[in-house]
Amino acid sequence: VTPQLLWLVGRAPLSVGQLLPLTLRSYLGSIPNPGSTLQSIRRGQASEIDYLNGAVAATAGPGRAPVNETLVRLVHQVERTAVFLDPADVVAVV
């Protein structure tokens, strides 16, 4: 998926814009496709969390994007400890 295609899809009417995710879903089938952050953690590598949620938090400024700041902190915790968090624990913190 190219940036140009995403730009076009993002500006298309909803009925047209829905074609891309539906096409991708049929292409990928039932094979799980974990996000790149999870893939990195599973490989024991640093994730791109600082470039995703960290960039939002840094742009907003301290305390202005608390959910993004918390997600960065939690992902770094998982990267450090290799212990995944229970979803209920994440919800309680966020």
Protein backbone atom coordinates (compact mmCIF):
# COMPACT_ATOMS: atom_id res chain seq x y z
CA VAL A 1 0.00 0.00 0.00
CA THR A 2 1.63 3.20 -1.15
CA PRO A 3 1.32 6.62 0.51
CA GLN A 4 -0.45 7.86 -2.60
CA LEU A 5 -3.06 5.11 -2.36
CA LEU A 6 -3.64 5.86 1.31
CA TRP A 7 -4.00 9.55 0.47
CA LEU A 8 -6.62 8.76 -2.15
CA VAL A 9 -8.49 6.31 0.07
CA GLY A 10 -8.49 8.82 2.94
CA ARG A 11 -10.20 11.39 0.75
CA ALA A 12 -12.64 9.05 -0.99
CA PRO A 13 -16.27 8.65 0.01
CA LEU A 14 -16.71 6.11 2.80
CA SER A 15 -18.22 3.49 0.51
CA VAL A 16 -15.11 3.66 -1.70
CA GLY A 17 -12.67 3.97 1.20
CA GLN A 18 -13.97 0.74 2.73
CA LEU A 19 -12.84 -1.22 -0.33
CA LEU A 20 -9.15 -1.12 0.68
CA PRO A 21 -9.49 -2.71 4.13
CA LEU A 22 -11.98 -5.24 2.79
CA THR A 23 -9.60 -6.16 -0.02
CA LEU A 24 -6.68 -6.45 2.40
CA ARG A 25 -8.76 -8.63 4.71
CA SER A 26 -9.61 -11.04 1.90
CA TYR A 27 -5.96 -11.03 0.74
CA LEU A 28 -4.57 -11.75 4.22
CA GLY A 29 -7.20 -14.38 5.00
CA SER A 30 -7.37 -15.93 8.44
CA ILE A 31 -3.61 -15.89 9.06
CA PRO A 32 -2.89 -13.67 12.09
CA ASN A 33 -0.86 -10.60 11.19
CA PRO A 34 0.43 -9.08 14.46
CA GLY A 35 1.40 -5.44 14.47
CA SER A 36 5.02 -4.46 14.00
CA THR A 37 5.39 -3.39 17.64
CA LEU A 38 4.40 -6.87 18.81
CA GLN A 39 6.62 -8.49 16.19
CA SER A 40 9.62 -6.49 17.46
CA ILE A 41 8.92 -7.36 21.10
CA ARG A 42 8.56 -11.05 20.26
CA ARG A 43 11.98 -10.92 18.53
CA GLY A 44 13.51 -9.21 21.58
CA GLN A 45 14.15 -6.01 19.63
CA ALA A 46 13.27 -2.44 20.49
CA SER A 47 9.95 -1.46 18.95
CA GLU A 48 9.07 1.71 17.09
CA ILE A 49 6.86 2.93 19.95
CA ASP A 50 8.96 6.09 20.36
CA TYR A 51 8.28 6.97 16.73
CA LEU A 52 4.56 6.24 17.00
CA ASN A 53 2.97 7.21 20.31
CA GLY A 54 6.18 8.82 21.55
CA ALA A 55 6.16 11.29 18.68
CA VAL A 56 2.57 12.26 19.49
CA ALA A 57 3.43 12.74 23.17
CA ALA A 58 6.56 14.76 22.37
CA THR A 59 4.70 16.99 19.92
CA ALA A 60 1.86 17.61 22.36
CA GLY A 61 4.18 18.35 25.27
CA PRO A 62 4.41 16.94 28.81
CA GLY A 63 1.03 15.91 30.19
CA ARG A 64 -0.87 16.93 27.05
CA ALA A 65 -1.18 13.40 25.58
CA PRO A 66 -1.45 11.20 28.67
CA VAL A 67 -2.70 8.09 26.87
CA ASN A 68 0.19 8.19 24.40
CA GLU A 69 2.69 8.79 27.23
CA THR A 70 1.25 5.85 29.16
CA LEU A 71 1.34 3.53 26.16
CA VAL A 72 4.99 4.39 25.53
CA ARG A 73 5.81 3.68 29.16
CA LEU A 74 3.92 0.36 29.13
CA VAL A 75 5.52 -0.84 25.88
CA HIS A 76 8.98 0.02 27.21
CA GLN A 77 8.13 -1.97 30.35
CA VAL A 78 7.23 -5.02 28.23
CA GLU A 79 10.39 -4.56 26.15
CA ARG A 80 12.50 -4.47 29.33
CA THR A 81 10.85 -7.31 31.22
CA ALA A 82 9.54 -9.54 28.38
CA VAL A 83 6.38 -9.90 30.48
CA PHE A 84 3.17 -9.11 28.64
CA LEU A 85 0.49 -7.20 30.49
CA ASP A 86 -3.04 -8.36 31.11
CA PRO A 87 -5.51 -6.25 29.11
CA ALA A 88 -7.42 -5.37 32.30
CA ASP A 89 -4.20 -4.01 33.83
CA VAL A 90 -3.58 -1.86 30.76
CA VAL A 91 -7.12 -0.49 30.86
CA ALA A 92 -6.76 0.30 34.56
CA VAL A 93 -3.59 2.29 33.91
CA VAL A 94 -4.79 4.08 30.79
